[in-house]
Amino acid sequence: MTRLPRLYAILDVACFASSDALLSAAEELAAGGCTLLQYRNKAGNARQILDDARELKRRLGNSVKLIMNDRADLAVVAGFDGVHVGQDDLSPEGARKVIGEQLWLGVSTHNPEQIKAADQTSATYVAIGPVFATASKANPDPVVGLEGVRKARSLTRKPLVAIGGITRGNCRSVIEAGAVSVAVISDLSRDPRKSAEEFLRILG
């Protein structure tokens, strides 16, 4: 089974004033010990996404696993390590056809039915959320809470990533509920290096 690091950083373009700011944050996160990063750009066109992705790959090299949100095709072209798909994106098996057998495939889930379905796919890991209230999505799914994480843990044998409103203050409780990794957006965006170091210290 694939081993995921405790901290899964998500770089959402919407959190940064420019591509340069996003790329600098990525370098800071890597310097802080982060080894898994997802690039998320919900509004950009393919060229913009690819430009950012290639630059991320150039700057970070193989020191960090890079995951593309939504776009399996661009993940391959940019030389990323995997793709993450949501419930409204390309199906997991559709994404797997694009990326091949070797790259990582993550799937977002929000309820027991979706978790069971994702467990039957070739997904590398399953994400559950939002665990807590989150400001990073315009129309978030209902909060699942720590009980939702525990339930998800019982429904899949795959590595479980928790996402949604996770901070340095609550991340330990999420791991204790059964997640192997916590995906964080907002609480890493200010002073990324120091934040990553603190998360990793708390998560052990």
N, C-alpha and C. Protein backbone atom coordinates (compact mmCIF):
# COMPACT_ATOMS: atom_id res chain seq x y z
N MET A 1 0.84 -1.20 0.00
CA MET A 1 0.00 0.00 0.00
C MET A 1 0.88 1.26 0.00
N THR A 2 0.43 2.27 -0.71
CA THR A 2 1.17 3.52 -0.80
C THR A 2 1.19 4.23 0.55
N ARG A 3 2.35 4.71 0.92
CA ARG A 3 2.48 5.48 2.17
C ARG A 3 2.38 6.97 1.87
N LEU A 4 1.45 7.62 2.52
CA LEU A 4 1.29 9.07 2.35
C LEU A 4 1.93 9.79 3.53
N PRO A 5 2.53 10.95 3.28
CA PRO A 5 3.04 11.74 4.40
C PRO A 5 1.88 12.29 5.22
N ARG A 6 2.15 12.64 6.46
CA ARG A 6 1.09 13.16 7.34
C ARG A 6 0.48 14.47 6.82
N LEU A 7 1.31 15.28 6.16
CA LEU A 7 0.85 16.59 5.70
C LEU A 7 0.75 16.63 4.18
N TYR A 8 -0.43 17.02 3.70
CA TYR A 8 -0.71 17.11 2.26
C TYR A 8 -1.09 18.57 2.01
N ALA A 9 -0.15 19.32 1.47
CA ALA A 9 -0.39 20.75 1.24
C ALA A 9 -1.13 20.97 -0.07
N ILE A 10 -2.13 21.84 -0.05
CA ILE A 10 -2.85 22.19 -1.28
C ILE A 10 -2.60 23.66 -1.58
N LEU A 11 -2.04 23.89 -2.76
CA LEU A 11 -1.79 25.25 -3.24
C LEU A 11 -2.95 25.65 -4.15
N ASP A 12 -3.83 26.47 -3.62
CA ASP A 12 -4.98 26.93 -4.38
C ASP A 12 -4.65 28.31 -4.95
N VAL A 13 -4.70 28.41 -6.27
CA VAL A 13 -4.38 29.68 -6.94
C VAL A 13 -5.20 30.83 -6.37
N ALA A 14 -6.43 30.55 -5.96
CA ALA A 14 -7.31 31.60 -5.43
C ALA A 14 -6.77 32.26 -4.16
N CYS A 15 -5.81 31.58 -3.49
CA CYS A 15 -5.25 32.12 -2.25
C CYS A 15 -4.07 33.06 -2.49
N PHE A 16 -3.64 33.19 -3.75
CA PHE A 16 -2.43 33.95 -4.03
C PHE A 16 -2.67 35.07 -5.03
N ALA A 17 -1.95 36.16 -4.85
CA ALA A 17 -2.13 37.34 -5.71
C ALA A 17 -1.54 37.14 -7.09
N SER A 18 -0.58 36.21 -7.22
CA SER A 18 0.08 36.00 -8.50
C SER A 18 0.69 34.61 -8.55
N SER A 19 1.09 34.19 -9.76
CA SER A 19 1.78 32.92 -9.90
C SER A 19 3.09 32.92 -9.14
N ASP A 20 3.78 34.06 -9.15
CA ASP A 20 5.05 34.15 -8.43
C ASP A 20 4.86 33.89 -6.94
N ALA A 21 3.78 34.45 -6.39
CA ALA A 21 3.50 34.25 -4.96
C ALA A 21 3.23 32.78 -4.67
N LEU A 22 2.48 32.14 -5.56
CA LEU A 22 2.18 30.72 -5.40
C LEU A 22 3.45 29.87 -5.47
N LEU A 23 4.30 30.17 -6.44
CA LEU A 23 5.53 29.41 -6.62
C LEU A 23 6.47 29.60 -5.43
N SER A 24 6.53 30.81 -4.92
CA SER A 24 7.36 31.08 -3.74
C SER A 24 6.85 30.30 -2.53
N ALA A 25 5.52 30.25 -2.38
CA ALA A 25 4.92 29.50 -1.27
C ALA A 25 5.27 28.02 -1.39
N ALA A 26 5.24 27.50 -2.61
CA ALA A 26 5.58 26.09 -2.83
C ALA A 26 7.01 25.81 -2.38
N GLU A 27 7.93 26.70 -2.72
CA GLU A 27 9.33 26.52 -2.31
C GLU A 27 9.47 26.59 -0.78
N GLU A 28 8.70 27.50 -0.17
CA GLU A 28 8.73 27.63 1.29
C GLU A 28 8.19 26.37 1.96
N LEU A 29 7.10 25.82 1.42
CA LEU A 29 6.52 24.60 1.97
C LEU A 29 7.51 23.44 1.89
N ALA A 30 8.17 23.33 0.75
CA ALA A 30 9.16 22.27 0.58
C ALA A 30 10.31 22.45 1.58
N ALA A 31 10.73 23.70 1.76
CA ALA A 31 11.80 24.00 2.72
C ALA A 31 11.38 23.66 4.14
N GLY A 32 10.07 23.74 4.41
CA GLY A 32 9.54 23.42 5.73
C GLY A 32 9.32 21.95 5.96
N GLY A 33 9.61 21.13 4.94
CA GLY A 33 9.51 19.68 5.11
C GLY A 33 8.33 19.03 4.43
N CYS A 34 7.52 19.81 3.71
CA CYS A 34 6.36 19.25 3.02
C CYS A 34 6.82 18.43 1.80
N THR A 35 6.31 17.21 1.66
CA THR A 35 6.74 16.34 0.56
C THR A 35 5.60 15.95 -0.38
N LEU A 36 4.41 16.49 -0.15
CA LEU A 36 3.26 16.20 -1.02
C LEU A 36 2.47 17.49 -1.21
N LEU A 37 2.35 17.90 -2.48
CA LEU A 37 1.70 19.17 -2.82
C LEU A 37 0.68 18.96 -3.94
N GLN A 38 -0.48 19.55 -3.76
CA GLN A 38 -1.47 19.54 -4.84
C GLN A 38 -1.61 20.96 -5.39
N TYR A 39 -1.58 21.06 -6.72
CA TYR A 39 -1.80 22.35 -7.38
C TYR A 39 -3.27 22.41 -7.81
N ARG A 40 -3.95 23.45 -7.32
CA ARG A 40 -5.39 23.56 -7.60
C ARG A 40 -5.69 24.90 -8.25
N ASN A 41 -6.27 24.85 -9.45
CA ASN A 41 -6.64 26.06 -10.17
C ASN A 41 -7.99 25.82 -10.84
N LYS A 42 -9.04 26.25 -10.16
CA LYS A 42 -10.40 25.98 -10.64
C LYS A 42 -10.84 26.91 -11.77
N ALA A 43 -10.16 28.05 -11.89
CA ALA A 43 -10.65 29.06 -12.83
C ALA A 43 -9.72 29.29 -14.02
N GLY A 44 -8.49 28.82 -13.94
CA GLY A 44 -7.51 29.13 -14.98
C GLY A 44 -7.72 28.32 -16.27
N ASN A 45 -7.16 28.84 -17.36
CA ASN A 45 -7.21 28.07 -18.61
C ASN A 45 -6.06 27.09 -18.65
N ALA A 46 -6.10 26.18 -19.61
CA ALA A 46 -5.11 25.09 -19.68
C ALA A 46 -3.68 25.62 -19.78
N ARG A 47 -3.49 26.69 -20.55
CA ARG A 47 -2.13 27.21 -20.71
C ARG A 47 -1.59 27.74 -19.40
N GLN A 48 -2.40 28.49 -18.68
CA GLN A 48 -1.97 29.04 -17.38
C GLN A 48 -1.64 27.92 -16.40
N ILE A 49 -2.52 26.92 -16.35
CA ILE A 49 -2.31 25.78 -15.44
C ILE A 49 -1.01 25.07 -15.79
N LEU A 50 -0.79 24.85 -17.07
CA LEU A 50 0.40 24.14 -17.51
C LEU A 50 1.67 24.94 -17.23
N ASP A 51 1.62 26.25 -17.45
CA ASP A 51 2.78 27.10 -17.16
C ASP A 51 3.16 27.01 -15.68
N ASP A 52 2.15 27.16 -14.81
CA ASP A 52 2.41 27.07 -13.36
C ASP A 52 2.94 25.68 -13.00
N ALA A 53 2.31 24.66 -13.56
CA ALA A 53 2.67 23.28 -13.23
C ALA A 53 4.11 22.97 -13.63
N ARG A 54 4.48 23.38 -14.81
CA ARG A 54 5.85 23.12 -15.28
C ARG A 54 6.88 23.86 -14.42
N GLU A 55 6.52 25.07 -14.02
CA GLU A 55 7.44 25.84 -13.18
C GLU A 55 7.55 25.22 -11.79
N LEU A 56 6.44 24.72 -11.26
CA LEU A 56 6.48 24.01 -9.97
C LEU A 56 7.43 22.81 -10.07
N LYS A 57 7.28 22.07 -11.15
CA LYS A 57 8.11 20.88 -11.35
C LYS A 57 9.58 21.28 -11.48
N ARG A 58 9.83 22.36 -12.20
CA ARG A 58 11.21 22.80 -12.41
C ARG A 58 11.85 23.22 -11.08
N ARG A 59 11.08 23.94 -10.27
CA ARG A 59 11.64 24.46 -9.02
C ARG A 59 11.78 23.38 -7.94
N LEU A 60 10.84 22.47 -7.89
CA LEU A 60 10.82 21.49 -6.80
C LEU A 60 11.46 20.16 -7.17
N GLY A 61 11.58 19.90 -8.48
CA GLY A 61 12.21 18.66 -8.93
C GLY A 61 11.51 17.44 -8.37
N ASN A 62 12.29 16.48 -7.86
CA ASN A 62 11.71 15.26 -7.31
C ASN A 62 11.65 15.27 -5.79
N SER A 63 11.89 16.44 -5.19
CA SER A 63 11.89 16.51 -3.72
C SER A 63 10.47 16.45 -3.16
N VAL A 64 9.50 16.78 -4.00
CA VAL A 64 8.10 16.83 -3.57
C VAL A 64 7.24 16.09 -4.59
N LYS A 65 6.29 15.28 -4.10
CA LYS A 65 5.32 14.66 -5.01
C LYS A 65 4.29 15.71 -5.39
N LEU A 66 4.07 15.88 -6.68
CA LEU A 66 3.15 16.91 -7.18
C LEU A 66 1.89 16.28 -7.75
N ILE A 67 0.76 16.73 -7.25
CA ILE A 67 -0.54 16.22 -7.68
C ILE A 67 -1.32 17.36 -8.35
N MET A 68 -1.90 17.07 -9.49
CA MET A 68 -2.72 18.05 -10.22
C MET A 68 -4.19 17.87 -9.84
N ASN A 69 -4.86 18.96 -9.53
CA ASN A 69 -6.29 18.87 -9.26
C ASN A 69 -7.07 18.83 -10.58
N ASP A 70 -7.97 17.89 -10.70
CA ASP A 70 -8.93 17.78 -11.82
C ASP A 70 -8.35 17.30 -13.16
N ARG A 71 -7.26 17.91 -13.60
CA ARG A 71 -6.84 17.74 -14.99
C ARG A 71 -5.81 16.61 -15.17
N ALA A 72 -6.32 15.42 -15.44
CA ALA A 72 -5.45 14.26 -15.65
C ALA A 72 -4.51 14.48 -16.83
N ASP A 73 -5.04 15.08 -17.90
CA ASP A 73 -4.22 15.30 -19.10
C ASP A 73 -3.04 16.22 -18.82
N LEU A 74 -3.29 17.31 -18.08
CA LEU A 74 -2.22 18.26 -17.79
C LEU A 74 -1.23 17.69 -16.77
N ALA A 75 -1.70 16.82 -15.89
CA ALA A 75 -0.80 16.15 -14.95
C ALA A 75 0.28 15.37 -15.70
N VAL A 76 -0.14 14.68 -16.75
CA VAL A 76 0.79 13.88 -17.55
C VAL A 76 1.76 14.78 -18.31
N VAL A 77 1.22 15.80 -18.96
CA VAL A 77 2.04 16.69 -19.78
C VAL A 77 3.08 17.43 -18.92
N ALA A 78 2.69 17.81 -17.71
CA ALA A 78 3.58 18.58 -16.83
C ALA A 78 4.58 17.70 -16.08
N GLY A 79 4.43 16.39 -16.22
CA GLY A 79 5.34 15.49 -15.51
C GLY A 79 5.05 15.38 -14.03
N PHE A 80 3.78 15.57 -13.66
CA PHE A 80 3.38 15.47 -12.26
C PHE A 80 3.33 14.00 -11.83
N ASP A 81 3.16 13.81 -10.51
CA ASP A 81 3.17 12.46 -9.95
C ASP A 81 1.78 11.86 -9.81
N GLY A 82 0.75 12.66 -10.10
CA GLY A 82 -0.60 12.13 -9.98
C GLY A 82 -1.66 13.18 -10.21
N VAL A 83 -2.91 12.75 -10.07
CA VAL A 83 -4.05 13.64 -10.26
C VAL A 83 -5.06 13.37 -9.15
N HIS A 84 -5.82 14.41 -8.79
CA HIS A 84 -6.88 14.27 -7.80
C HIS A 84 -8.19 14.68 -8.46
N VAL A 85 -9.20 13.81 -8.40
CA VAL A 85 -10.49 14.13 -9.03
C VAL A 85 -11.60 14.19 -7.99
N GLY A 86 -12.56 15.08 -8.27
CA GLY A 86 -13.73 15.23 -7.41
C GLY A 86 -14.90 14.44 -7.97
N GLN A 87 -16.03 14.56 -7.32
CA GLN A 87 -17.22 13.81 -7.74
C GLN A 87 -17.78 14.32 -9.07
N ASP A 88 -17.48 15.56 -9.42
CA ASP A 88 -18.02 16.13 -10.66
C ASP A 88 -16.99 16.16 -11.79
N ASP A 89 -15.82 15.56 -11.56
CA ASP A 89 -14.77 15.56 -12.57
C ASP A 89 -14.78 14.25 -13.34
N LEU A 90 -13.72 14.03 -14.11
CA LEU A 90 -13.52 12.77 -14.79
C LEU A 90 -13.62 11.63 -13.78
N SER A 91 -14.24 10.51 -14.16
CA SER A 91 -14.36 9.38 -13.22
C SER A 91 -12.98 8.85 -12.87
N PRO A 92 -12.84 8.20 -11.71
CA PRO A 92 -11.53 7.64 -11.35
C PRO A 92 -10.95 6.74 -12.44
N GLU A 93 -11.78 5.89 -13.02
CA GLU A 93 -11.25 4.98 -14.05
C GLU A 93 -10.92 5.72 -15.34
N GLY A 94 -11.70 6.78 -15.62
CA GLY A 94 -11.39 7.62 -16.78
C GLY A 94 -10.05 8.30 -16.59
N ALA A 95 -9.82 8.80 -15.36
CA ALA A 95 -8.54 9.45 -15.05
C ALA A 95 -7.40 8.44 -15.12
N ARG A 96 -7.63 7.24 -14.63
CA ARG A 96 -6.60 6.20 -14.63
C ARG A 96 -6.17 5.87 -16.06
N LYS A 97 -7.13 5.86 -16.98
CA LYS A 97 -6.79 5.59 -18.40
C LYS A 97 -5.84 6.65 -18.94
N VAL A 98 -6.03 7.89 -18.49
CA VAL A 98 -5.20 9.00 -18.98
C VAL A 98 -3.80 8.97 -18.36
N ILE A 99 -3.73 8.70 -17.06
CA ILE A 99 -2.44 8.83 -16.36
C ILE A 99 -1.62 7.54 -16.35
N GLY A 100 -2.25 6.41 -16.69
CA GLY A 100 -1.53 5.15 -16.66
C GLY A 100 -1.53 4.52 -15.27
N GLU A 101 -0.82 3.41 -15.14
CA GLU A 101 -0.87 2.63 -13.90
C GLU A 101 0.01 3.18 -12.78
N GLN A 102 1.06 3.91 -13.14
CA GLN A 102 2.08 4.26 -12.14
C GLN A 102 1.77 5.51 -11.32
N LEU A 103 1.07 6.47 -11.91
CA LEU A 103 0.85 7.73 -11.20
C LEU A 103 -0.21 7.59 -10.11
N TRP A 104 -0.13 8.46 -9.12
CA TRP A 104 -1.11 8.45 -8.03
C TRP A 104 -2.46 9.00 -8.51
N LEU A 105 -3.52 8.44 -7.94
CA LEU A 105 -4.88 8.89 -8.24
C LEU A 105 -5.63 9.07 -6.93
N GLY A 106 -6.05 10.30 -6.66
CA GLY A 106 -6.84 10.59 -5.47
C GLY A 106 -8.28 10.88 -5.84
N VAL A 107 -9.21 10.52 -4.95
CA VAL A 107 -10.64 10.74 -5.21
C VAL A 107 -11.29 11.40 -4.00
N SER A 108 -11.99 12.51 -4.23
CA SER A 108 -12.73 13.19 -3.17
C SER A 108 -14.04 12.47 -2.89
N THR A 109 -14.38 12.31 -1.61
CA THR A 109 -15.67 11.74 -1.22
C THR A 109 -16.26 12.57 -0.09
N HIS A 110 -17.59 12.49 0.03
CA HIS A 110 -18.28 13.32 1.02
C HIS A 110 -19.31 12.55 1.84
N ASN A 111 -19.52 11.28 1.51
CA ASN A 111 -20.51 10.48 2.26
C ASN A 111 -20.18 8.99 2.11
N PRO A 112 -20.81 8.13 2.92
CA PRO A 112 -20.48 6.70 2.90
C PRO A 112 -20.63 6.05 1.52
N GLU A 113 -21.64 6.42 0.76
CA GLU A 113 -21.84 5.81 -0.56
C GLU A 113 -20.66 6.10 -1.48
N GLN A 114 -20.21 7.36 -1.46
CA GLN A 114 -19.09 7.74 -2.31
C GLN A 114 -17.79 7.05 -1.87
N ILE A 115 -17.62 6.88 -0.56
CA ILE A 115 -16.43 6.20 -0.05
C ILE A 115 -16.41 4.76 -0.53
N LYS A 116 -17.54 4.09 -0.40
CA LYS A 116 -17.62 2.68 -0.84
C LYS A 116 -17.32 2.56 -2.33
N ALA A 117 -17.86 3.51 -3.11
CA ALA A 117 -17.62 3.48 -4.56
C ALA A 117 -16.15 3.72 -4.87
N ALA A 118 -15.53 4.68 -4.19
CA ALA A 118 -14.12 4.99 -4.42
C ALA A 118 -13.23 3.82 -4.03
N ASP A 119 -13.64 3.08 -3.01
CA ASP A 119 -12.84 1.95 -2.54
C ASP A 119 -12.74 0.86 -3.60
N GLN A 120 -13.71 0.81 -4.49
CA GLN A 120 -13.73 -0.22 -5.55
C GLN A 120 -12.92 0.19 -6.78
N THR A 121 -12.42 1.41 -6.79
CA THR A 121 -11.68 1.90 -7.96
C THR A 121 -10.18 1.66 -7.78
N SER A 122 -9.41 2.10 -8.76
CA SER A 122 -7.95 1.96 -8.68
C SER A 122 -7.31 3.17 -8.00
N ALA A 123 -8.10 3.94 -7.25
CA ALA A 123 -7.58 5.11 -6.55
C ALA A 123 -6.44 4.73 -5.63
N THR A 124 -5.42 5.59 -5.56
CA THR A 124 -4.29 5.39 -4.65
C THR A 124 -4.71 5.73 -3.22
N TYR A 125 -5.51 6.79 -3.09
CA TYR A 125 -6.00 7.20 -1.78
C TYR A 125 -7.40 7.79 -1.94
N VAL A 126 -8.13 7.83 -0.82
CA VAL A 126 -9.48 8.42 -0.79
C VAL A 126 -9.46 9.60 0.16
N ALA A 127 -10.02 10.72 -0.28
CA ALA A 127 -10.12 11.91 0.57
C ALA A 127 -11.55 12.05 1.09
N ILE A 128 -11.69 12.40 2.36
CA ILE A 128 -13.01 12.60 2.96
C ILE A 128 -13.10 14.03 3.51
N GLY A 129 -14.23 14.67 3.29
CA GLY A 129 -14.40 16.02 3.82
C GLY A 129 -15.69 16.67 3.32
N PRO A 130 -15.93 17.89 3.71
CA PRO A 130 -15.10 18.65 4.64
C PRO A 130 -15.28 18.18 6.08
N VAL A 131 -14.15 18.01 6.78
CA VAL A 131 -14.21 17.55 8.17
C VAL A 131 -14.78 18.65 9.05
N PHE A 132 -14.28 19.86 8.85
CA PHE A 132 -14.77 21.04 9.58
C PHE A 132 -15.23 22.08 8.57
N ALA A 133 -15.87 23.13 9.05
CA ALA A 133 -16.32 24.20 8.15
C ALA A 133 -15.10 24.80 7.43
N THR A 134 -15.27 25.06 6.15
CA THR A 134 -14.15 25.55 5.34
C THR A 134 -14.56 26.77 4.53
N ALA A 135 -13.59 27.65 4.31
CA ALA A 135 -13.85 28.86 3.53
C ALA A 135 -13.26 28.75 2.13
N SER A 136 -12.63 27.62 1.82
CA SER A 136 -11.90 27.54 0.55
C SER A 136 -12.76 27.02 -0.61
N LYS A 137 -14.02 26.69 -0.33
CA LYS A 137 -14.91 26.27 -1.41
C LYS A 137 -16.16 27.14 -1.41
N ALA A 138 -16.63 27.48 -2.60
CA ALA A 138 -17.79 28.36 -2.71
C ALA A 138 -19.06 27.67 -2.21
N ASN A 139 -19.25 26.40 -2.61
CA ASN A 139 -20.43 25.65 -2.20
C ASN A 139 -20.01 24.32 -1.59
N PRO A 140 -19.50 24.36 -0.34
CA PRO A 140 -18.97 23.13 0.24
C PRO A 140 -20.06 22.10 0.54
N ASP A 141 -19.67 20.84 0.53
CA ASP A 141 -20.58 19.77 0.95
C ASP A 141 -20.78 19.87 2.46
N PRO A 142 -21.81 19.16 2.99
CA PRO A 142 -22.05 19.21 4.44
C PRO A 142 -20.83 18.71 5.22
N VAL A 143 -20.57 19.35 6.34
CA VAL A 143 -19.44 18.97 7.21
C VAL A 143 -19.67 17.54 7.73
N VAL A 144 -18.62 16.72 7.69
CA VAL A 144 -18.76 15.33 8.14
C VAL A 144 -18.27 15.14 9.58
N GLY A 145 -17.42 16.04 10.06
CA GLY A 145 -16.93 15.94 11.43
C GLY A 145 -15.98 14.77 11.63
N LEU A 146 -15.49 14.63 12.84
CA LEU A 146 -14.57 13.53 13.16
C LEU A 146 -15.28 12.18 13.05
N GLU A 147 -16.58 12.18 13.31
CA GLU A 147 -17.35 10.94 13.18
C GLU A 147 -17.35 10.46 11.73
N GLY A 148 -17.41 11.43 10.80
CA GLY A 148 -17.36 11.10 9.38
C GLY A 148 -16.02 10.49 8.98
N VAL A 149 -14.95 10.97 9.61
CA VAL A 149 -13.62 10.41 9.35
C VAL A 149 -13.56 8.98 9.88
N ARG A 150 -14.09 8.76 11.08
CA ARG A 150 -14.09 7.41 11.65
C ARG A 150 -14.90 6.45 10.78
N LYS A 151 -16.05 6.93 10.31
CA LYS A 151 -16.91 6.11 9.45
C LYS A 151 -16.19 5.78 8.15
N ALA A 152 -15.55 6.80 7.55
CA ALA A 152 -14.81 6.59 6.31
C ALA A 152 -13.71 5.55 6.50
N ARG A 153 -13.02 5.64 7.65
CA ARG A 153 -11.93 4.69 7.92
C ARG A 153 -12.45 3.25 7.90
N SER A 154 -13.68 3.07 8.38
CA SER A 154 -14.25 1.71 8.45
C SER A 154 -14.73 1.20 7.09
N LEU A 155 -14.84 2.10 6.12
CA LEU A 155 -15.43 1.72 4.82
C LEU A 155 -14.42 1.53 3.70
N THR A 156 -13.15 1.86 3.95
CA THR A 156 -12.16 1.71 2.88
C THR A 156 -10.84 1.16 3.44
N ARG A 157 -10.17 0.37 2.63
CA ARG A 157 -8.85 -0.15 3.01
C ARG A 157 -7.75 0.78 2.50
N LYS A 158 -8.14 1.74 1.69
CA LYS A 158 -7.15 2.64 1.08
C LYS A 158 -6.70 3.71 2.07
N PRO A 159 -5.52 4.32 1.83
CA PRO A 159 -5.09 5.44 2.67
C PRO A 159 -6.16 6.54 2.65
N LEU A 160 -6.44 7.09 3.82
CA LEU A 160 -7.50 8.09 3.96
C LEU A 160 -6.91 9.47 4.24
N VAL A 161 -7.27 10.42 3.37
CA VAL A 161 -6.85 11.81 3.54
C VAL A 161 -8.06 12.62 4.00
N ALA A 162 -7.88 13.41 5.05
CA ALA A 162 -8.96 14.27 5.54
C ALA A 162 -8.73 15.69 5.07
N ILE A 163 -9.80 16.38 4.69
CA ILE A 163 -9.68 17.75 4.19
C ILE A 163 -10.85 18.59 4.68
N GLY A 164 -10.61 19.89 4.80
CA GLY A 164 -11.71 20.80 5.13
C GLY A 164 -11.57 21.40 6.51
N GLY A 165 -11.10 22.65 6.56
CA GLY A 165 -11.04 23.36 7.83
C GLY A 165 -10.02 22.82 8.81
N ILE A 166 -9.01 22.10 8.31
CA ILE A 166 -8.02 21.51 9.21
C ILE A 166 -6.93 22.52 9.53
N THR A 167 -6.64 22.66 10.81
CA THR A 167 -5.66 23.64 11.30
C THR A 167 -4.66 22.95 12.23
N ARG A 168 -3.67 23.72 12.65
CA ARG A 168 -2.71 23.19 13.61
C ARG A 168 -3.42 22.83 14.92
N GLY A 169 -4.53 23.50 15.20
CA GLY A 169 -5.26 23.26 16.45
C GLY A 169 -6.06 21.97 16.47
N ASN A 170 -6.49 21.49 15.29
CA ASN A 170 -7.36 20.30 15.29
C ASN A 170 -6.78 19.11 14.52
N CYS A 171 -5.59 19.25 13.94
CA CYS A 171 -5.10 18.19 13.04
C CYS A 171 -4.83 16.86 13.75
N ARG A 172 -4.37 16.92 15.02
CA ARG A 172 -4.09 15.66 15.73
C ARG A 172 -5.37 14.84 15.88
N SER A 173 -6.47 15.51 16.18
CA SER A 173 -7.74 14.79 16.39
C SER A 173 -8.19 14.08 15.12
N VAL A 174 -7.84 14.66 13.96
CA VAL A 174 -8.23 14.08 12.68
C VAL A 174 -7.43 12.80 12.41
N ILE A 175 -6.14 12.85 12.72
CA ILE A 175 -5.30 11.65 12.58
C ILE A 175 -5.78 10.56 13.54
N GLU A 176 -6.11 10.96 14.76
CA GLU A 176 -6.58 10.00 15.77
C GLU A 176 -7.91 9.38 15.36
N ALA A 177 -8.69 10.09 14.55
CA ALA A 177 -9.98 9.56 14.08
C ALA A 177 -9.81 8.56 12.93
N GLY A 178 -8.58 8.46 12.38
CA GLY A 178 -8.35 7.43 11.37
C GLY A 178 -7.74 7.88 10.06
N ALA A 179 -7.56 9.18 9.88
CA ALA A 179 -6.92 9.66 8.65
C ALA A 179 -5.42 9.40 8.73
N VAL A 180 -4.79 9.09 7.59
CA VAL A 180 -3.33 8.93 7.59
C VAL A 180 -2.65 10.24 7.23
N SER A 181 -3.42 11.15 6.63
CA SER A 181 -2.85 12.41 6.15
C SER A 181 -3.90 13.51 6.25
N VAL A 182 -3.45 14.75 6.49
CA VAL A 182 -4.38 15.88 6.51
C VAL A 182 -4.04 16.83 5.36
N ALA A 183 -5.05 17.18 4.59
CA ALA A 183 -4.88 18.13 3.49
C ALA A 183 -5.22 19.52 4.00
N VAL A 184 -4.31 20.46 3.78
CA VAL A 184 -4.46 21.80 4.37
C VAL A 184 -4.25 22.87 3.29
N ILE A 185 -5.14 23.85 3.29
CA ILE A 185 -5.02 24.98 2.37
C ILE A 185 -4.73 26.26 3.17
N SER A 186 -5.76 26.76 3.86
CA SER A 186 -5.68 28.09 4.49
C SER A 186 -4.60 28.20 5.55
N ASP A 187 -4.47 27.18 6.40
CA ASP A 187 -3.55 27.31 7.53
C ASP A 187 -2.09 27.11 7.13
N LEU A 188 -1.84 26.96 5.83
CA LEU A 188 -0.46 26.92 5.34
C LEU A 188 -0.13 28.15 4.50
N SER A 189 -1.13 28.98 4.22
CA SER A 189 -0.93 30.06 3.24
C SER A 189 -0.16 31.25 3.81
N ARG A 190 -0.25 31.46 5.13
CA ARG A 190 0.54 32.54 5.74
C ARG A 190 1.81 31.95 6.34
N ASP A 191 2.94 32.49 5.96
CA ASP A 191 4.24 32.00 6.45
C ASP A 191 4.35 30.48 6.23
N PRO A 192 4.33 30.06 4.96
CA PRO A 192 4.24 28.63 4.64
C PRO A 192 5.31 27.75 5.28
N ARG A 193 6.54 28.21 5.28
CA ARG A 193 7.61 27.36 5.82
C ARG A 193 7.41 27.08 7.32
N LYS A 194 7.19 28.14 8.07
CA LYS A 194 6.99 27.99 9.51
C LYS A 194 5.73 27.17 9.80
N SER A 195 4.68 27.41 9.02
CA SER A 195 3.42 26.67 9.22
C SER A 195 3.62 25.18 8.96
N ALA A 196 4.32 24.86 7.87
CA ALA A 196 4.57 23.45 7.55
C ALA A 196 5.39 22.79 8.65
N GLU A 197 6.42 23.48 9.13
CA GLU A 197 7.25 22.93 10.20
C GLU A 197 6.41 22.65 11.45
N GLU A 198 5.51 23.57 11.78
CA GLU A 198 4.68 23.39 12.97
C GLU A 198 3.71 22.23 12.80
N PHE A 199 3.08 22.15 11.62
CA PHE A 199 2.17 21.03 11.35
C PHE A 199 2.92 19.71 11.52
N LEU A 200 4.08 19.60 10.91
CA LEU A 200 4.84 18.34 10.95
C LEU A 200 5.27 18.00 12.38
N ARG A 201 5.57 19.00 13.16
CA ARG A 201 5.93 18.76 14.56
C ARG A 201 4.72 18.24 15.33
N ILE A 202 3.57 18.85 15.11
CA ILE A 202 2.34 18.43 15.81
C ILE A 202 1.92 17.03 15.38
N LEU A 203 2.05 16.75 14.08
CA LEU A 203 1.59 15.47 13.53
C LEU A 203 2.56 14.33 13.84
N GLY A 204 3.77 14.69 14.25
CA GLY A 204 4.76 13.66 14.60
C GLY A 204 5.26 12.92 13.39
